[in-house]
PDB file of all heavy atoms in Angstrom:
ATOM      1  N   LYS A   1     195.123 261.136 128.258  1.00  0.00           N
ATOM      2  CA  LYS A   1     196.170 260.196 127.826  1.00  0.00           C
ATOM      3  C   LYS A   1     197.030 259.775 129.017  1.00  0.00           C
ATOM      4  O   LYS A   1     197.388 258.615 129.169  1.00  0.00           O
ATOM      5  CB  LYS A   1     197.054 260.852 126.758  1.00  0.00           C
ATOM      6  CG  LYS A   1     196.392 260.976 125.394  1.00  0.00           C
ATOM      7  CD  LYS A   1     197.335 261.693 124.443  1.00  0.00           C
ATOM      8  CE  LYS A   1     196.695 261.826 123.054  1.00  0.00           C
ATOM      9  NZ  LYS A   1     197.493 262.719 122.205  1.00  0.00           N
ATOM     10  N   ASN A   2     197.374 260.745 129.874  1.00  0.00           N
ATOM     11  CA  ASN A   2     198.217 260.443 131.028  1.00  0.00           C
ATOM     12  C   ASN A   2     197.482 259.538 132.017  1.00  0.00           C
ATOM     13  O   ASN A   2     198.083 258.635 132.611  1.00  0.00           O
ATOM     14  CB  ASN A   2     198.641 261.737 131.722  1.00  0.00           C
ATOM     15  CG  ASN A   2     199.718 261.480 132.758  1.00  0.00           C
ATOM     16  OD1 ASN A   2     200.852 261.199 132.418  1.00  0.00           O
ATOM     17  ND2 ASN A   2     199.356 261.526 134.019  1.00  0.00           N
ATOM     18  N   ALA A   3     196.177 259.775 132.169  1.00  0.00           N
ATOM     19  CA  ALA A   3     195.388 258.983 133.125  1.00  0.00           C
ATOM     20  C   ALA A   3     195.429 257.500 132.779  1.00  0.00           C
ATOM     21  O   ALA A   3     195.396 256.638 133.670  1.00  0.00           O
ATOM     22  CB  ALA A   3     193.947 259.483 133.161  1.00  0.00           C
ATOM     23  N   LEU A   4     195.511 257.181 131.477  1.00  0.00           N
ATOM     24  CA  LEU A   4     195.535 255.772 131.060  1.00  0.00           C
ATOM     25  C   LEU A   4     196.779 255.059 131.586  1.00  0.00           C
ATOM     26  O   LEU A   4     196.797 253.850 131.716  1.00  0.00           O
ATOM     27  CB  LEU A   4     195.492 255.672 129.528  1.00  0.00           C
ATOM     28  CG  LEU A   4     194.206 256.188 128.871  1.00  0.00           C
ATOM     29  CD1 LEU A   4     194.330 256.174 127.363  1.00  0.00           C
ATOM     30  CD2 LEU A   4     193.006 255.367 129.309  1.00  0.00           C
ATOM     31  N   ARG A   5     197.833 255.838 131.905  1.00  0.00           N
ATOM     32  CA  ARG A   5     199.081 255.233 132.415  1.00  0.00           C
ATOM     33  C   ARG A   5     199.093 255.157 133.938  1.00  0.00           C
ATOM     34  O   ARG A   5     200.109 254.815 134.528  1.00  0.00           O
ATOM     35  CB  ARG A   5     200.277 256.061 131.940  1.00  0.00           C
ATOM     36  CG  ARG A   5     200.328 256.192 130.423  1.00  0.00           C
ATOM     37  CD  ARG A   5     201.505 257.027 129.963  1.00  0.00           C
ATOM     38  NE  ARG A   5     201.410 257.244 128.522  1.00  0.00           N
ATOM     39  CZ  ARG A   5     201.399 258.436 127.948  1.00  0.00           C
ATOM     40  NH1 ARG A   5     201.480 259.522 128.691  1.00  0.00           N
ATOM     41  NH2 ARG A   5     201.320 258.549 126.641  1.00  0.00           N
ATOM     42  N   MET A   6     197.965 255.531 134.568  1.00  0.00           N
ATOM     43  CA  MET A   6     197.924 255.595 136.030  1.00  0.00           C
ATOM     44  C   MET A   6     197.111 254.456 136.636  1.00  0.00           C
ATOM     45  O   MET A   6     196.655 254.542 137.771  1.00  0.00           O
ATOM     46  CB  MET A   6     197.348 256.947 136.466  1.00  0.00           C
ATOM     47  CG  MET A   6     198.190 258.124 136.001  1.00  0.00           C
ATOM     48  SD  MET A   6     197.390 259.728 136.247  1.00  0.00           S
ATOM     49  CE  MET A   6     197.630 259.960 137.994  1.00  0.00           C
ATOM     50  N   ARG A   7     196.912 253.405 135.862  1.00  0.00           N
ATOM     51  CA  ARG A   7     196.187 252.215 136.295  1.00  0.00           C
ATOM     52  C   ARG A   7     194.813 252.520 136.917  1.00  0.00           C
ATOM     53  O   ARG A   7     194.466 252.075 138.001  1.00  0.00           O
ATOM     54  CB  ARG A   7     197.031 251.419 137.315  1.00  0.00           C
ATOM     55  CG  ARG A   7     196.555 249.992 137.536  1.00  0.00           C
ATOM     56  CD  ARG A   7     196.438 249.697 139.042  1.00  0.00           C
ATOM     57  NE  ARG A   7     195.654 248.515 139.295  1.00  0.00           N
ATOM     58  CZ  ARG A   7     194.336 248.526 139.480  1.00  0.00           C
ATOM     59  NH1 ARG A   7     193.641 249.635 139.390  1.00  0.00           N
ATOM     60  NH2 ARG A   7     193.698 247.399 139.737  1.00  0.00           N
ATOM     61  N   PRO A   8     193.971 253.313 136.193  1.00  0.00           N
ATOM     62  CA  PRO A   8     192.645 253.576 136.749  1.00  0.00           C
ATOM     63  C   PRO A   8     191.691 252.419 136.451  1.00  0.00           C
ATOM     64  O   PRO A   8     191.856 251.712 135.444  1.00  0.00           O
ATOM     65  CB  PRO A   8     192.198 254.825 135.979  1.00  0.00           C
ATOM     66  CG  PRO A   8     192.868 254.676 134.649  1.00  0.00           C
ATOM     67  CD  PRO A   8     194.171 253.963 134.900  1.00  0.00           C
ATOM     68  N   ASP A   9     190.724 252.196 137.347  1.00  0.00           N
ATOM     69  CA  ASP A   9     189.616 251.295 136.999  1.00  0.00           C
ATOM     70  C   ASP A   9     188.582 252.057 136.176  1.00  0.00           C
ATOM     71  O   ASP A   9     187.978 251.515 135.269  1.00  0.00           O
ATOM     72  CB  ASP A   9     188.975 250.737 138.272  1.00  0.00           C
ATOM     73  CG  ASP A   9     189.886 249.734 138.951  1.00  0.00           C
ATOM     74  OD1 ASP A   9     190.222 248.733 138.299  1.00  0.00           O
ATOM     75  OD2 ASP A   9     190.282 249.960 140.107  1.00  0.00           O
ATOM     76  N   ARG A  10     188.380 253.329 136.552  1.00  0.00           N
ATOM     77  CA  ARG A  10     187.457 254.183 135.796  1.00  0.00           C
ATOM     78  C   ARG A  10     188.052 255.575 135.688  1.00  0.00           C
ATOM     79  O   ARG A  10     188.755 256.028 136.586  1.00  0.00           O
ATOM     80  CB  ARG A  10     186.099 254.318 136.506  1.00  0.00           C
ATOM     81  CG  ARG A  10     185.429 253.009 136.849  1.00  0.00           C
ATOM     82  CD  ARG A  10     184.043 253.278 137.411  1.00  0.00           C
ATOM     83  NE  ARG A  10     183.519 252.080 138.064  1.00  0.00           N
ATOM     84  CZ  ARG A  10     182.254 251.685 137.979  1.00  0.00           C
ATOM     85  NH1 ARG A  10     181.384 252.375 137.278  1.00  0.00           N
ATOM     86  NH2 ARG A  10     181.851 250.595 138.599  1.00  0.00           N
ATOM     87  N   ILE A  11     187.730 256.243 134.576  1.00  0.00           N
ATOM     88  CA  ILE A  11     188.139 257.638 134.387  1.00  0.00           C
ATOM     89  C   ILE A  11     186.872 258.486 134.400  1.00  0.00           C
ATOM     90  O   ILE A  11     185.897 258.171 133.710  1.00  0.00           O
ATOM     91  CB  ILE A  11     188.901 257.808 133.054  1.00  0.00           C
ATOM     92  CG1 ILE A  11     190.206 257.020 133.093  1.00  0.00           C
ATOM     93  CG2 ILE A  11     189.186 259.280 132.771  1.00  0.00           C
ATOM     94  CD1 ILE A  11     190.955 256.991 131.781  1.00  0.00           C
ATOM     95  N   ILE A  12     186.877 259.535 135.191  1.00  0.00           N
ATOM     96  CA  ILE A  12     185.727 260.441 135.256  1.00  0.00           C
ATOM     97  C   ILE A  12     186.176 261.787 134.707  1.00  0.00           C
ATOM     98  O   ILE A  12     187.039 262.454 135.298  1.00  0.00           O
ATOM     99  CB  ILE A  12     185.235 260.642 136.722  1.00  0.00           C
ATOM    100  CG1 ILE A  12     185.150 259.315 137.468  1.00  0.00           C
ATOM    101  CG2 ILE A  12     183.927 261.418 136.745  1.00  0.00           C
ATOM    102  CD1 ILE A  12     183.969 258.452 137.182  1.00  0.00           C
ATOM    103  N   VAL A  13     185.648 262.186 133.557  1.00  0.00           N
ATOM    104  CA  VAL A  13     185.985 263.490 132.972  1.00  0.00           C
ATOM    105  C   VAL A  13     184.855 264.452 133.317  1.00  0.00           C
ATOM    106  O   VAL A  13     183.691 264.191 133.013  1.00  0.00           O
ATOM    107  CB  VAL A  13     186.169 263.383 131.439  1.00  0.00           C
ATOM    108  CG1 VAL A  13     186.476 264.754 130.842  1.00  0.00           C
ATOM    109  CG2 VAL A  13     187.295 262.417 131.098  1.00  0.00           C
ATOM    110  N   GLY A  14     185.220 265.572 133.985  1.00  0.00           N
ATOM    111  CA  GLY A  14     184.189 266.523 134.432  1.00  0.00           C
ATOM    112  C   GLY A  14     183.282 266.951 133.301  1.00  0.00           C
ATOM    113  O   GLY A  14     182.065 266.997 133.451  1.00  0.00           O
ATOM    114  N   GLU A  15     183.863 267.283 132.150  1.00  0.00           N
ATOM    115  CA  GLU A  15     183.047 267.659 130.987  1.00  0.00           C
ATOM    116  C   GLU A  15     183.872 267.524 129.726  1.00  0.00           C
ATOM    117  O   GLU A  15     185.029 267.964 129.703  1.00  0.00           O
ATOM    118  CB  GLU A  15     182.579 269.117 131.129  1.00  0.00           C
ATOM    119  CG  GLU A  15     181.670 269.550 129.999  1.00  0.00           C
ATOM    120  CD  GLU A  15     181.400 271.056 129.996  1.00  0.00           C
ATOM    121  OE1 GLU A  15     181.549 271.690 131.048  1.00  0.00           O
ATOM    122  OE2 GLU A  15     181.059 271.572 128.927  1.00  0.00           O
ATOM    123  N   VAL A  16     183.307 266.915 128.692  1.00  0.00           N
ATOM    124  CA  VAL A  16     184.014 266.897 127.398  1.00  0.00           C
ATOM    125  C   VAL A  16     183.501 268.072 126.572  1.00  0.00           C
ATOM    126  O   VAL A  16     182.310 268.314 126.495  1.00  0.00           O
ATOM    127  CB  VAL A  16     183.834 265.565 126.603  1.00  0.00           C
ATOM    128  CG1 VAL A  16     184.645 264.458 127.215  1.00  0.00           C
ATOM    129  CG2 VAL A  16     182.393 265.169 126.459  1.00  0.00           C
ATOM    130  N   ARG A  17     184.456 268.821 125.995  1.00  0.00           N
ATOM    131  CA  ARG A  17     184.041 269.976 125.189  1.00  0.00           C
ATOM    132  C   ARG A  17     184.929 270.164 123.964  1.00  0.00           C
ATOM    133  O   ARG A  17     184.854 271.178 123.288  1.00  0.00           O
ATOM    134  CB  ARG A  17     184.044 271.250 126.032  1.00  0.00           C
ATOM    135  CG  ARG A  17     185.337 271.527 126.785  1.00  0.00           C
ATOM    136  CD  ARG A  17     185.371 272.973 127.266  1.00  0.00           C
ATOM    137  NE  ARG A  17     184.512 273.187 128.384  1.00  0.00           N
ATOM    138  CZ  ARG A  17     184.879 273.038 129.659  1.00  0.00           C
ATOM    139  NH1 ARG A  17     186.107 272.659 129.940  1.00  0.00           N
ATOM    140  NH2 ARG A  17     184.038 273.273 130.650  1.00  0.00           N
ATOM    141  N   GLY A  18     185.804 269.193 123.693  1.00  0.00           N
ATOM    142  CA  GLY A  18     186.701 269.353 122.550  1.00  0.00           C
ATOM    143  C   GLY A  18     187.287 268.018 122.127  1.00  0.00           C
ATOM    144  O   GLY A  18     186.664 266.965 122.289  1.00  0.00           O
ATOM    145  N   GLU A  19     188.535 268.063 121.638  1.00  0.00           N
ATOM    146  CA  GLU A  19     189.126 266.860 121.047  1.00  0.00           C
ATOM    147  C   GLU A  19     189.385 265.757 122.058  1.00  0.00           C
ATOM    148  O   GLU A  19     189.597 264.609 121.693  1.00  0.00           O
ATOM    149  CB  GLU A  19     190.431 267.210 120.310  1.00  0.00           C
ATOM    150  CG  GLU A  19     191.601 267.614 121.193  1.00  0.00           C
ATOM    151  CD  GLU A  19     191.776 269.120 121.306  1.00  0.00           C
ATOM    152  OE1 GLU A  19     191.797 269.804 120.287  1.00  0.00           O
ATOM    153  OE2 GLU A  19     191.896 269.599 122.450  1.00  0.00           O
ATOM    154  N   GLU A  20     189.319 266.086 123.388  1.00  0.00           N
ATOM    155  CA  GLU A  20     189.534 265.025 124.387  1.00  0.00           C
ATOM    156  C   GLU A  20     188.422 263.973 124.335  1.00  0.00           C
ATOM    157  O   GLU A  20     188.574 262.880 124.877  1.00  0.00           O
ATOM    158  CB  GLU A  20     189.630 265.612 125.804  1.00  0.00           C
ATOM    159  CG  GLU A  20     188.357 266.193 126.374  1.00  0.00           C
ATOM    160  CD  GLU A  20     188.108 267.634 125.949  1.00  0.00           C
ATOM    161  OE1 GLU A  20     188.932 268.218 125.231  1.00  0.00           O
ATOM    162  OE2 GLU A  20     187.060 268.168 126.341  1.00  0.00           O
ATOM    163  N   ALA A  21     187.298 264.294 123.660  1.00  0.00           N
ATOM    164  CA  ALA A  21     186.211 263.314 123.507  1.00  0.00           C
ATOM    165  C   ALA A  21     186.728 262.048 122.824  1.00  0.00           C
ATOM    166  O   ALA A  21     186.338 260.932 123.174  1.00  0.00           O
ATOM    167  CB  ALA A  21     185.069 263.921 122.691  1.00  0.00           C
ATOM    168  N   PHE A  22     187.646 262.219 121.857  1.00  0.00           N
ATOM    169  CA  PHE A  22     188.207 261.063 121.139  1.00  0.00           C
ATOM    170  C   PHE A  22     188.955 260.151 122.116  1.00  0.00           C
ATOM    171  O   PHE A  22     188.759 258.937 122.122  1.00  0.00           O
ATOM    172  CB  PHE A  22     189.147 261.558 120.027  1.00  0.00           C
ATOM    173  CG  PHE A  22     189.895 260.456 119.339  1.00  0.00           C
ATOM    174  CD1 PHE A  22     189.245 259.618 118.441  1.00  0.00           C
ATOM    175  CD2 PHE A  22     191.239 260.239 119.587  1.00  0.00           C
ATOM    176  CE1 PHE A  22     189.938 258.588 117.802  1.00  0.00           C
ATOM    177  CE2 PHE A  22     191.936 259.228 118.963  1.00  0.00           C
ATOM    178  CZ  PHE A  22     191.281 258.398 118.070  1.00  0.00           C
ATOM    179  N   ASP A  23     189.806 260.756 122.964  1.00  0.00           N
ATOM    180  CA  ASP A  23     190.602 259.952 123.908  1.00  0.00           C
ATOM    181  C   ASP A  23     189.709 259.312 124.969  1.00  0.00           C
ATOM    182  O   ASP A  23     189.967 258.197 125.416  1.00  0.00           O
ATOM    183  CB  ASP A  23     191.660 260.836 124.563  1.00  0.00           C
ATOM    184  CG  ASP A  23     192.527 261.523 123.520  1.00  0.00           C
ATOM    185  OD1 ASP A  23     193.425 260.867 122.982  1.00  0.00           O
ATOM    186  OD2 ASP A  23     192.266 262.694 123.209  1.00  0.00           O
ATOM    187  N   MET A  24     188.646 260.040 125.352  1.00  0.00           N
ATOM    188  CA  MET A  24     187.698 259.495 126.337  1.00  0.00           C
ATOM    189  C   MET A  24     187.024 258.236 125.783  1.00  0.00           C
ATOM    190  O   MET A  24     186.908 257.217 126.471  1.00  0.00           O
ATOM    191  CB  MET A  24     186.650 260.571 126.660  1.00  0.00           C
ATOM    192  CG  MET A  24     185.605 260.151 127.664  1.00  0.00           C
ATOM    193  SD  MET A  24     186.274 260.112 129.333  1.00  0.00           S
ATOM    194  CE  MET A  24     185.123 259.010 130.125  1.00  0.00           C
ATOM    195  N   LEU A  25     186.600 258.307 124.520  1.00  0.00           N
ATOM    196  CA  LEU A  25     185.959 257.135 123.897  1.00  0.00           C
ATOM    197  C   LEU A  25     186.948 255.976 123.782  1.00  0.00           C
ATOM    198  O   LEU A  25     186.593 254.815 124.023  1.00  0.00           O
ATOM    199  CB  LEU A  25     185.419 257.481 122.508  1.00  0.00           C
ATOM    200  CG  LEU A  25     184.223 258.443 122.460  1.00  0.00           C
ATOM    201  CD1 LEU A  25     183.843 258.733 121.022  1.00  0.00           C
ATOM    202  CD2 LEU A  25     183.019 257.876 123.211  1.00  0.00           C
ATOM    203  N   GLN A  26     188.208 256.295 123.439  1.00  0.00           N
ATOM    204  CA  GLN A  26     189.235 255.264 123.360  1.00  0.00           C
ATOM    205  C   GLN A  26     189.389 254.572 124.712  1.00  0.00           C
ATOM    206  O   GLN A  26     189.487 253.352 124.798  1.00  0.00           O
ATOM    207  CB  GLN A  26     190.584 255.876 122.959  1.00  0.00           C
ATOM    208  CG  GLN A  26     190.611 256.480 121.574  1.00  0.00           C
ATOM    209  CD  GLN A  26     190.618 255.410 120.495  1.00  0.00           C
ATOM    210  OE1 GLN A  26     189.556 254.886 120.125  1.00  0.00           O
ATOM    211  NE2 GLN A  26     191.780 255.053 119.996  1.00  0.00           N
ATOM    212  N   ALA A  27     189.391 255.382 125.784  1.00  0.00           N
ATOM    213  CA  ALA A  27     189.541 254.815 127.132  1.00  0.00           C
ATOM    214  C   ALA A  27     188.375 253.887 127.454  1.00  0.00           C
ATOM    215  O   ALA A  27     188.561 252.783 127.980  1.00  0.00           O
ATOM    216  CB  ALA A  27     189.625 255.938 128.164  1.00  0.00           C
ATOM    217  N   MET A  28     187.160 254.323 127.125  1.00  0.00           N
ATOM    218  CA  MET A  28     185.972 253.500 127.400  1.00  0.00           C
ATOM    219  C   MET A  28     186.007 252.197 126.601  1.00  0.00           C
ATOM    220  O   MET A  28     185.450 251.186 127.021  1.00  0.00           O
ATOM    221  CB  MET A  28     184.691 254.281 127.053  1.00  0.00           C
ATOM    222  CG  MET A  28     184.375 255.420 128.018  1.00  0.00           C
ATOM    223  SD  MET A  28     182.965 256.385 127.426  1.00  0.00           S
ATOM    224  CE  MET A  28     182.587 257.385 128.865  1.00  0.00           C
ATOM    225  N   ASN A  29     186.671 252.248 125.453  1.00  0.00           N
ATOM    226  CA  ASN A  29     186.726 251.065 124.579  1.00  0.00           C
ATOM    227  C   ASN A  29     187.913 250.159 124.864  1.00  0.00           C
ATOM    228  O   ASN A  29     188.070 249.127 124.232  1.00  0.00           O
ATOM    229  CB  ASN A  29     186.776 251.495 123.105  1.00  0.00           C
ATOM    230  CG  ASN A  29     185.387 251.795 122.560  1.00  0.00           C
ATOM    231  OD1 ASN A  29     184.424 251.143 122.930  1.00  0.00           O
ATOM    232  ND2 ASN A  29     185.283 252.802 121.709  1.00  0.00           N
ATOM    233  N   THR A  30     188.791 250.569 125.791  1.00  0.00           N
ATOM    234  CA  THR A  30     189.995 249.762 126.023  1.00  0.00           C
ATOM    235  C   THR A  30     190.108 249.350 127.482  1.00  0.00           C
ATOM    236  O   THR A  30     191.167 249.513 128.091  1.00  0.00           O
ATOM    237  CB  THR A  30     191.258 250.545 125.610  1.00  0.00           C
ATOM    238  OG1 THR A  30     191.241 251.828 126.283  1.00  0.00           O
ATOM    239  CG2 THR A  30     191.339 250.758 124.122  1.00  0.00           C
ATOM    240  N   GLY A  31     189.029 248.867 128.050  1.00  0.00           N
ATOM    241  CA  GLY A  31     189.123 248.279 129.374  1.00  0.00           C
ATOM    242  C   GLY A  31     188.825 249.217 130.532  1.00  0.00           C
ATOM    243  O   GLY A  31     189.076 248.880 131.676  1.00  0.00           O
TER     244      GLY A  31
END
C-alpha cells in the first residue's frame, strides 16, 4: 500500500504468500 504512494513505475514483490496478493493485484490493475 505504501509503495503505491512512492510513484513507482513497477512494483516487484519478492514473494506473495498471504493477503498482500490482493493489494498486488490492485497495483497491477491500476497503472
